[in-house]
Amino acid sequence: MSDSGSRQRYEQVAAEISARRVETDIDPSTERIRQLMDLLGEPQRNYPIIHVTGTNGKSSTARMIDALLRERHLRVGRYTSPHLQTMRERVVVDGEPISEEAFVAAYDDVRPLVDMVDADNEIALSFFEVLTAMAFAAFADAPVDVAVVEVGMGGAWDATNVADADVAVVTPIAIDHTEFLPDTVEGIAEEKAGIIKPDSIAVLAQQQVPAAETLMRHVSEVGARVAREGLEFGVAHRDVAVGGQSLALKGVRSGYEDLFLPLYGAHQAGNAAVAVAAVEAFAAPVEGDEGLDPELISSALAAVDTPGRLEILRRSPTVLVDAAHNPAGMAATVETVEEAFSFTGLVGVVAIMADKDVEGILEPLEPLLTEVVVTRNSSPRSLSPEQLGEIAEGVFGADRVHLAPRMDDAIDQAVNRSEESSEFGGAGVLITGSVVTAGDARHLLGGE
């Protein structure tokens, strides 16, 4: 098939998958995906799995775990969501998204069985369920030595939970997706604890007390072992450095000094500590085993990148893009910008999904931004600029809020306002509010 034919077939497949019930149209059951995996021969049983759930930091932590495992010369599959720009980003082997041809082949392999499951159920398989099956099958075909799998939403009833992980990672839990998940931290923790299975090792990031108690209760009930940030492992020291931060980490097995992480913020340092602990648990699950090679840790973390997470897309003025999409995530973003950058003026470009806690997302930004340009992103779930503007005026005041009908117009307006408001330099633009917002900005500004 010609290159144009391959591209056309990939776009057709991506459109067919996208036409299915979307990720946000949830039917909380693993029955359909289990039926599909059974027809596929249970490919998720062919390799060990590190399973990652939580509210914030899942993708960044998964990318760090992936990098650490590959530094140990393992072939790694990584499944994360949502994607920023292309669906193939979700299914990664050897650090690279699978090719368009491999993506199409994975779809063609599962499609007849998807049709069988659809015919046997009142509710058809969703977009996310089909992609999850494709990822597990692609990893088996590769084959990979280990898979790092990020939960889509929740834990117990998430499609990825057809796997029984060797190591279950829980990043910080906060309130989000309350239309699908409980509206308390402990309720959400109970749902996310569902990925922790008997005889597995649970690696738990620092949590609010109700979440920590809920997770530990589940660990005890299923007979898992546990490593907790702040007790068995953690960040021993961190300093802001040019282009990121320098770290000393206390691992489960050993300490690791003089590490450079090319990412900003205390939350990313915490993610790095969780990732190292997860790989220690995977590599040496027996108490008393030695830690990892310090040079391996140093090399892997120094090469980590997390697109769309406080990523610099342009300079003069500096344009940052960040995928924060809930109040806790935005609070971490604001804290990090204040710590790592010295802007004399910062203009925001914000587009948020209508089903989110919009006011809660905007409030942390109020002391950080001099002005804000509200717009919409490419998702049909995006709040209109007019609706977002009305809420933003209640947070920022009407004189600091500006509307733009499209993302490209909003970015242009923000850049101009930033330059005008900072006569002596030091101006910046922050584009945020959603993963889709971050992806749209990267596309417009040439992010790879």
Protein backbone atom coordinates (compact mmCIF):
# COMPACT_ATOMS: atom_id res chain seq x y z
CA MET A 1 0.00 0.00 0.00
CA SER A 2 1.30 3.49 -0.86
CA ASP A 3 2.15 6.03 1.84
CA SER A 4 -0.99 7.99 0.96
CA GLY A 5 -3.02 4.78 1.08
CA SER A 6 -1.56 3.85 4.48
CA ARG A 7 -2.33 7.29 5.84
CA GLN A 8 -5.86 7.15 4.46
CA ARG A 9 -6.45 3.74 6.05
CA TYR A 10 -5.09 4.94 9.40
CA GLU A 11 -7.36 8.00 9.33
CA GLN A 12 -10.32 5.75 8.48
CA VAL A 13 -9.55 3.46 11.43
CA ALA A 14 -9.06 6.40 13.81
CA ALA A 15 -12.41 7.81 12.68
CA GLU A 16 -14.16 4.45 13.22
CA ILE A 17 -12.78 4.18 16.74
CA SER A 18 -13.63 7.81 17.50
CA ALA A 19 -17.21 7.25 16.35
CA ARG A 20 -17.73 4.80 19.21
CA ARG A 21 -19.05 5.73 22.63
CA VAL A 22 -16.50 8.23 23.93
CA GLU A 23 -14.37 8.00 27.07
CA THR A 24 -16.68 10.35 28.92
CA ASP A 25 -19.78 8.24 28.19
CA ILE A 26 -19.15 5.70 30.92
CA ASP A 27 -20.92 2.44 31.58
CA PRO A 28 -19.13 1.17 34.71
CA SER A 29 -18.56 -2.48 33.88
CA THR A 30 -15.64 -4.66 32.82
CA GLU A 31 -17.96 -7.36 31.48
CA ARG A 32 -17.66 -6.38 27.80
CA ILE A 33 -13.89 -5.85 27.83
CA ARG A 34 -13.39 -9.16 29.68
CA GLN A 35 -15.46 -10.90 27.03
CA LEU A 36 -13.31 -9.33 24.31
CA MET A 37 -10.04 -10.20 26.03
CA ASP A 38 -11.19 -13.80 26.44
CA LEU A 39 -11.85 -14.00 22.68
CA LEU A 40 -8.40 -12.52 22.04
CA GLY A 41 -6.75 -15.19 24.19
CA GLU A 42 -6.00 -12.95 27.18
CA PRO A 43 -2.97 -11.13 25.72
CA GLN A 44 -2.62 -9.09 28.94
CA ARG A 45 -1.44 -12.28 30.68
CA ASN A 46 1.63 -12.54 28.41
CA TYR A 47 3.81 -9.98 30.23
CA PRO A 48 4.11 -8.41 33.69
CA ILE A 49 2.29 -5.12 34.21
CA ILE A 50 2.84 -1.98 36.25
CA HIS A 51 -0.61 -0.42 36.58
CA VAL A 52 -0.95 3.31 37.33
CA THR A 53 -4.01 5.09 38.71
CA GLY A 54 -4.64 8.33 40.63
CA THR A 55 -6.14 11.74 39.88
CA ASN A 56 -3.10 13.79 38.85
CA GLY A 57 0.34 12.82 37.59
CA LYS A 58 -0.56 9.44 36.08
CA SER A 59 0.84 10.05 32.61
CA SER A 60 4.01 11.77 33.84
CA THR A 61 4.65 8.94 36.30
CA ALA A 62 4.00 6.32 33.63
CA ARG A 63 6.49 8.03 31.29
CA MET A 64 9.12 8.05 34.04
CA ILE A 65 8.54 4.37 34.85
CA ASP A 66 8.82 3.59 31.13
CA ALA A 67 12.12 5.50 30.87
CA LEU A 68 13.57 3.75 33.93
CA LEU A 69 12.60 0.31 32.65
CA ARG A 70 14.02 0.97 29.18
CA GLU A 71 17.27 2.13 30.78
CA ARG A 72 17.44 -1.39 32.23
CA HIS A 73 17.35 -2.68 28.62
CA LEU A 74 13.81 -3.98 28.82
CA ARG A 75 11.36 -3.71 25.95
CA VAL A 76 8.48 -1.68 27.34
CA GLY A 77 4.92 -1.11 26.21
CA ARG A 78 3.17 1.99 27.54
CA TYR A 79 -0.56 2.71 27.40
CA THR A 80 -1.68 6.17 28.50
CA SER A 81 -4.62 8.48 27.95
CA PRO A 82 -5.89 10.83 26.76
CA HIS A 83 -3.73 11.75 23.80
CA LEU A 84 -2.56 15.26 23.00
CA GLN A 85 -2.48 15.15 19.20
CA THR A 86 -2.67 11.65 17.74
CA MET A 87 -4.41 8.50 18.92
CA ARG A 88 -1.18 6.55 18.39
CA GLU A 89 0.39 8.38 21.35
CA ARG A 90 -1.61 6.10 23.63
CA VAL A 91 0.10 2.89 22.49
CA VAL A 92 3.88 3.15 22.80
CA VAL A 93 6.56 0.48 22.31
CA ASP A 94 10.26 1.16 22.91
CA GLY A 95 9.49 4.78 23.72
CA GLU A 96 7.78 5.55 20.42
CA PRO A 97 4.10 5.54 19.41
CA ILE A 98 3.33 2.52 17.26
CA SER A 99 3.35 3.25 13.53
CA GLU A 100 0.20 3.94 11.55
CA GLU A 101 0.61 0.54 9.92
CA ALA A 102 0.94 -1.24 13.27
CA PHE A 103 -2.05 0.67 14.64
CA VAL A 104 -4.18 -0.40 11.67
CA ALA A 105 -2.97 -4.01 11.98
CA ALA A 106 -3.91 -4.06 15.68
CA TYR A 107 -7.36 -2.74 14.86
CA ASP A 108 -7.88 -5.21 12.02
CA ASP A 109 -6.93 -8.05 14.37
CA VAL A 110 -9.47 -7.11 17.04
CA ARG A 111 -12.27 -5.76 14.84
CA PRO A 112 -14.03 -9.10 14.07
CA LEU A 113 -14.04 -9.95 17.77
CA VAL A 114 -15.26 -6.46 18.67
CA ASP A 115 -18.18 -7.01 16.33
CA MET A 116 -18.97 -10.31 18.09
CA VAL A 117 -18.98 -8.67 21.52
CA ASP A 118 -21.07 -5.76 20.25
CA ALA A 119 -23.63 -8.18 18.85
CA ASP A 120 -23.80 -10.01 22.17
CA ASN A 121 -24.42 -6.94 24.34
CA GLU A 122 -27.00 -4.19 24.51
CA ILE A 123 -24.21 -1.62 24.93
CA ALA A 124 -21.43 -1.61 22.34
CA LEU A 125 -17.77 -1.49 23.27
CA SER A 126 -16.55 2.06 23.83
CA PHE A 127 -13.72 4.00 22.21
CA PHE A 128 -11.55 3.35 25.28
CA GLU A 129 -12.39 -0.34 25.55
CA VAL A 130 -11.42 -0.96 21.92
CA LEU A 131 -8.15 0.95 22.30
CA THR A 132 -7.34 -0.93 25.51
CA ALA A 133 -7.80 -4.27 23.78
CA MET A 134 -5.66 -3.08 20.86
CA ALA A 135 -2.89 -2.00 23.23
CA PHE A 136 -2.81 -5.28 25.15
CA ALA A 137 -2.77 -7.23 21.87
CA ALA A 138 -0.07 -5.02 20.33
CA PHE A 139 2.13 -5.47 23.39
CA ALA A 140 1.78 -9.24 23.16
CA ASP A 141 2.62 -9.18 19.45
CA ALA A 142 5.70 -6.94 19.91
CA PRO A 143 6.42 -8.73 22.31
CA VAL A 144 7.24 -6.52 25.30
CA ASP A 145 9.05 -7.52 28.49
CA VAL A 146 6.77 -5.37 30.63
CA ALA A 147 3.81 -3.03 30.11
CA VAL A 148 3.14 0.23 31.93
CA VAL A 149 -0.62 0.75 31.83
CA GLU A 150 -2.41 3.92 32.90
CA VAL A 151 -6.01 3.70 34.10
CA GLY A 152 -8.46 5.71 32.02
CA MET A 153 -10.77 6.65 34.89
CA GLY A 154 -11.25 5.27 38.37
CA GLY A 155 -9.81 1.82 38.83
CA ALA A 156 -12.04 -1.12 39.74
CA TRP A 157 -14.33 -0.87 36.70
CA ASP A 158 -11.84 0.70 34.31
CA ALA A 159 -11.23 -1.30 31.12
CA THR A 160 -7.53 -1.65 31.94
CA ASN A 161 -8.41 -3.56 35.12
CA VAL A 162 -8.75 -6.79 33.16
CA ALA A 163 -5.04 -7.00 33.97
CA ASP A 164 -3.66 -8.20 37.30
CA ALA A 165 -0.64 -6.02 37.89
CA ASP A 166 2.57 -7.06 39.61
CA VAL A 167 2.97 -3.47 40.83
CA ALA A 168 0.01 -1.11 41.36
CA VAL A 169 0.84 2.59 41.53
CA VAL A 170 -1.53 5.20 42.98
CA THR A 171 -0.59 8.83 42.28
CA PRO A 172 -2.15 11.68 44.35
CA ILE A 173 -5.92 11.43 44.62
CA ALA A 174 -8.21 14.45 44.49
CA ILE A 175 -11.83 15.08 43.57
CA ASP A 176 -12.47 14.93 39.81
CA HIS A 177 -14.92 13.27 37.39
CA THR A 178 -17.65 13.41 40.03
CA GLU A 179 -20.27 12.70 37.38
CA PHE A 180 -18.80 9.18 37.22
CA LEU A 181 -16.87 8.80 40.48
CA PRO A 182 -17.82 9.45 44.14
CA ASP A 183 -17.70 13.05 45.35
CA THR A 184 -15.41 12.38 48.32
CA VAL A 185 -11.68 11.68 48.36
CA GLU A 186 -12.18 8.44 50.27
CA GLY A 187 -14.87 7.32 47.83
CA ILE A 188 -12.59 7.96 44.87
CA ALA A 189 -9.73 6.19 46.67
CA GLU A 190 -11.92 3.14 47.19
CA GLU A 191 -12.62 2.98 43.45
CA LYS A 192 -8.97 3.47 42.50
CA ALA A 193 -7.83 0.87 45.04
CA GLY A 194 -9.46 -1.73 42.80
CA ILE A 195 -6.26 -2.09 40.76
CA ILE A 196 -4.39 -3.40 43.84
CA LYS A 197 -4.62 -7.17 43.66
CA PRO A 198 -3.65 -10.02 46.03
CA ASP A 199 0.12 -10.58 46.30
CA SER A 200 0.91 -7.43 44.32
CA ILE A 201 3.01 -4.50 45.53
CA ALA A 202 1.18 -1.19 45.99
CA VAL A 203 3.29 1.94 45.53
CA LEU A 204 1.37 4.86 47.00
CA ALA A 205 2.13 8.54 46.46
CA GLN A 206 1.59 10.96 49.33
CA GLN A 207 -2.17 11.13 49.91
CA GLN A 208 -4.72 13.07 51.90
CA VAL A 209 -5.45 11.18 55.15
CA PRO A 210 -8.91 9.84 54.10
CA ALA A 211 -7.47 8.50 50.84
CA ALA A 212 -4.43 7.00 52.56
CA GLU A 213 -6.62 5.21 55.12
CA THR A 214 -8.90 3.83 52.40
CA LEU A 215 -5.99 2.58 50.31
CA MET A 216 -4.26 0.95 53.27
CA ARG A 217 -7.48 -0.79 54.29
CA HIS A 218 -7.73 -2.29 50.77
CA VAL A 219 -4.05 -3.29 50.80
CA SER A 220 -4.64 -5.18 54.05
CA GLU A 221 -7.84 -6.83 52.82
CA VAL A 222 -6.30 -8.24 49.62
CA GLY A 223 -2.95 -9.19 51.12
CA ALA A 224 -0.77 -6.87 49.05
CA ARG A 225 2.54 -5.37 50.14
CA VAL A 226 2.98 -1.62 50.25
CA ALA A 227 5.49 1.19 49.82
CA ARG A 228 4.33 4.68 50.81
CA GLU A 229 5.77 8.05 49.85
CA GLY A 230 6.91 9.84 52.99
CA LEU A 231 7.54 6.57 54.83
CA GLU A 232 9.25 3.86 52.77
CA PHE A 233 10.39 6.26 50.01
CA GLY A 234 10.23 9.89 48.98
CA VAL A 235 11.98 13.09 47.91
CA ALA A 236 14.93 13.69 50.25
CA HIS A 237 15.93 17.03 48.74
CA ARG A 238 15.17 19.21 45.73
CA ASP A 239 16.48 22.47 44.31
CA VAL A 240 15.35 24.51 41.34
CA ALA A 241 17.85 24.19 38.49
CA VAL A 242 18.13 25.63 35.00
CA GLY A 243 15.67 23.69 32.84
CA GLY A 244 14.23 21.66 35.70
CA GLN A 245 15.35 20.61 39.18
CA SER A 246 18.05 18.68 41.00
CA LEU A 247 16.91 15.88 43.28
CA ALA A 248 17.96 13.45 45.93
CA LEU A 249 15.53 10.56 46.27
CA LYS A 250 15.10 8.03 49.06
CA GLY A 251 14.16 4.79 47.36
CA VAL A 252 12.62 1.68 48.85
CA ARG A 253 15.98 -0.12 48.57
CA SER A 254 18.57 2.66 48.37
CA GLY A 255 19.22 6.38 48.13
CA TYR A 256 19.92 8.22 44.87
CA GLU A 257 21.81 11.52 44.84
CA ASP A 258 22.64 14.24 42.32
CA LEU A 259 19.75 13.55 39.94
CA PHE A 260 18.60 16.04 37.32
CA LEU A 261 14.95 16.05 36.28
CA PRO A 262 14.15 18.27 33.28
CA LEU A 263 10.66 18.97 34.60
CA TYR A 264 9.40 21.65 36.93
CA GLY A 265 7.67 21.49 40.29
CA ALA A 266 7.45 19.60 43.56
CA HIS A 267 4.71 17.42 42.07
CA GLN A 268 7.06 16.17 39.34
CA ALA A 269 9.73 15.43 41.95
CA GLY A 270 7.11 13.38 43.78
CA ASN A 271 6.20 11.62 40.55
CA ALA A 272 9.87 10.75 40.06
CA ALA A 273 10.09 9.29 43.56
CA VAL A 274 6.99 7.18 42.92
CA ALA A 275 8.38 6.00 39.56
CA VAL A 276 11.71 4.95 41.09
CA ALA A 277 9.94 3.10 43.91
CA ALA A 278 7.70 1.32 41.39
CA VAL A 279 10.69 0.14 39.35
CA GLU A 280 12.53 -0.92 42.51
CA ALA A 281 9.47 -2.95 43.51
CA PHE A 282 9.24 -4.49 40.06
CA ALA A 283 12.96 -5.24 39.74
CA ALA A 284 13.53 -6.51 43.28
CA PRO A 285 10.25 -7.46 44.95
CA VAL A 286 11.90 -9.37 47.82
CA GLU A 287 12.80 -7.48 51.00
CA GLY A 288 16.53 -6.95 51.41
CA ASP A 289 17.37 -6.87 47.71
CA GLU A 290 19.70 -4.09 46.62
CA GLY A 291 18.55 -0.90 44.95
CA LEU A 292 18.87 0.08 41.32
CA ASP A 293 22.06 1.24 39.63
CA PRO A 294 22.34 4.98 40.49
CA GLU A 295 23.73 5.75 37.03
CA LEU A 296 20.66 4.08 35.50
CA ILE A 297 18.36 6.29 37.59
CA SER A 298 20.32 9.41 36.71
CA SER A 299 20.42 8.72 32.98
CA ALA A 300 16.75 7.75 32.72
CA LEU A 301 15.36 10.72 34.65
CA ALA A 302 17.58 13.20 32.81
CA ALA A 303 16.04 12.08 29.50
CA VAL A 304 12.38 12.18 30.59
CA ASP A 305 9.97 14.47 28.79
CA THR A 306 6.27 15.05 29.46
CA PRO A 307 4.64 16.87 26.54
CA GLY A 308 1.94 19.31 27.55
CA ARG A 309 3.03 19.46 31.20
CA LEU A 310 4.48 22.95 31.74
CA GLU A 311 6.15 22.64 28.37
CA ILE A 312 7.85 25.66 26.84
CA LEU A 313 6.60 25.98 23.26
CA ARG A 314 8.01 29.39 22.37
CA ARG A 315 10.33 32.05 23.76
CA SER A 316 10.23 35.86 23.61
CA PRO A 317 7.67 35.91 25.02
CA THR A 318 7.80 32.57 26.79
CA VAL A 319 4.74 30.50 25.97
CA LEU A 320 3.99 27.65 28.37
CA VAL A 321 1.37 24.97 27.86
CA ASP A 322 -0.01 22.84 30.66
CA ALA A 323 -2.72 20.17 30.69
CA ALA A 324 -4.06 20.90 34.21
CA HIS A 325 -7.80 20.15 34.18
CA ASN A 326 -8.96 20.04 37.79
CA PRO A 327 -8.49 22.30 40.84
CA ALA A 328 -5.72 20.22 42.44
CA GLY A 329 -3.80 19.99 39.18
CA MET A 330 -4.12 23.72 38.56
CA ALA A 331 -2.95 24.54 42.09
CA ALA A 332 0.20 22.47 41.44
CA THR A 333 0.73 24.24 38.11
CA VAL A 334 0.45 27.69 39.71
CA GLU A 335 2.83 26.75 42.52
CA THR A 336 5.35 25.46 39.99
CA VAL A 337 5.19 28.54 37.74
CA GLU A 338 5.74 30.78 40.76
CA GLU A 339 8.72 28.68 41.85
CA ALA A 340 10.44 28.08 38.50
CA PHE A 341 9.77 31.25 36.48
CA SER A 342 10.16 34.98 37.09
CA PHE A 343 7.53 36.59 34.91
CA THR A 344 6.91 40.32 35.16
CA GLY A 345 3.53 39.68 33.58
CA LEU A 346 1.73 36.47 32.65
CA VAL A 347 -1.34 36.30 30.42
CA GLY A 348 -3.45 33.16 30.42
CA VAL A 349 -5.22 31.39 27.58
CA VAL A 350 -7.85 29.14 29.09
CA ALA A 351 -10.30 26.63 27.60
CA ILE A 352 -12.09 24.21 29.93
CA MET A 353 -14.55 21.34 29.50
CA ALA A 354 -18.14 22.15 30.45
CA ASP A 355 -18.41 19.17 32.82
CA LYS A 356 -15.51 20.32 35.01
CA ASP A 357 -15.35 22.41 38.19
CA VAL A 358 -14.68 25.53 36.14
CA GLU A 359 -14.58 28.01 39.01
CA GLY A 360 -12.33 25.67 41.00
CA ILE A 361 -9.91 25.48 38.07
CA LEU A 362 -9.86 29.26 37.56
CA GLU A 363 -9.43 30.32 41.18
CA PRO A 364 -5.79 29.20 41.62
CA LEU A 365 -4.92 31.19 38.48
CA GLU A 366 -6.27 34.51 39.78
CA PRO A 367 -3.15 35.68 41.68
CA LEU A 368 -0.83 34.37 38.95
CA LEU A 369 -2.29 35.93 35.79
CA THR A 370 -2.39 39.62 34.98
CA GLU A 371 -5.06 38.98 32.33
CA VAL A 372 -6.85 35.97 30.88
CA VAL A 373 -8.12 35.25 27.37
CA VAL A 374 -10.91 32.69 27.45
CA THR A 375 -11.64 30.57 24.39
CA ARG A 376 -12.77 27.08 23.44
CA ASN A 377 -10.80 23.99 22.44
CA SER A 378 -11.54 21.49 19.69
CA SER A 379 -13.68 19.19 21.86
CA PRO A 380 -17.48 19.34 21.58
CA ARG A 381 -17.42 19.22 25.41
CA SER A 382 -15.62 22.57 25.58
CA LEU A 383 -17.39 25.37 27.42
CA SER A 384 -18.16 28.29 25.09
CA PRO A 385 -16.03 31.42 25.45
CA GLU A 386 -19.12 33.36 26.48
CA GLN A 387 -20.00 30.94 29.30
CA LEU A 388 -16.40 30.63 30.41
CA GLY A 389 -15.99 34.39 30.27
CA GLU A 390 -18.97 34.93 32.56
CA ILE A 391 -17.51 32.58 35.18
CA ALA A 392 -14.02 34.06 34.73
CA GLU A 393 -15.30 37.59 35.34
CA GLY A 394 -16.55 36.45 38.72
CA VAL A 395 -13.03 35.28 39.56
CA PHE A 396 -10.77 37.85 37.86
CA GLY A 397 -13.05 40.86 37.44
CA ALA A 398 -14.43 42.00 34.08
CA ASP A 399 -11.48 44.25 33.21
CA ARG A 400 -8.99 41.33 33.22
CA VAL A 401 -11.06 38.93 31.09
CA HIS A 402 -11.06 38.88 27.28
CA LEU A 403 -12.87 36.58 24.85
CA ALA A 404 -11.60 34.94 21.67
CA PRO A 405 -13.75 32.64 19.53
CA ARG A 406 -10.87 30.36 18.50
CA MET A 407 -7.70 29.06 20.06
CA ASP A 408 -5.38 30.60 17.47
CA ASP A 409 -7.01 34.01 17.97
CA ALA A 410 -6.70 33.60 21.75
CA ILE A 411 -2.99 32.80 21.56
CA ASP A 412 -2.29 35.75 19.26
CA GLN A 413 -4.24 38.07 21.55
CA ALA A 414 -2.45 36.77 24.67
CA VAL A 415 0.99 37.15 23.09
CA ASN A 416 0.20 40.73 22.06
CA ARG A 417 -1.18 41.61 25.48
CA SER A 418 1.80 40.02 27.18
CA GLU A 419 4.28 42.04 25.11
CA GLU A 420 2.35 45.28 25.63
CA SER A 421 2.07 44.83 29.39
CA SER A 422 5.79 44.11 29.95
CA GLU A 423 7.78 46.93 28.48
CA PHE A 424 11.07 45.67 29.90
CA GLY A 425 10.69 41.97 29.06
CA GLY A 426 9.96 39.02 31.29
CA ALA A 427 6.50 38.55 29.83
CA GLY A 428 4.85 35.20 29.36
CA VAL A 429 1.76 33.29 28.25
CA LEU A 430 0.27 30.23 29.95
CA ILE A 431 -2.13 28.07 27.92
CA THR A 432 -4.07 25.67 30.13
CA GLY A 433 -7.38 24.20 31.32
CA SER A 434 -7.58 20.82 29.60
CA VAL A 435 -5.53 18.09 27.94
CA VAL A 436 -7.34 18.95 24.70
CA THR A 437 -6.42 22.61 25.17
CA ALA A 438 -2.77 21.63 25.58
CA GLY A 439 -2.91 19.41 22.49
CA ASP A 440 -4.54 22.12 20.38
CA ALA A 441 -1.87 24.63 21.46
CA ARG A 442 0.94 22.22 20.66
CA HIS A 443 -0.52 21.67 17.21
CA LEU A 444 -0.83 25.40 16.54
CA LEU A 445 2.64 26.22 17.86
CA GLY A 446 4.50 23.33 16.32
CA GLY A 447 5.01 21.11 19.38
CA GLU A 448 6.14 17.62 18.40
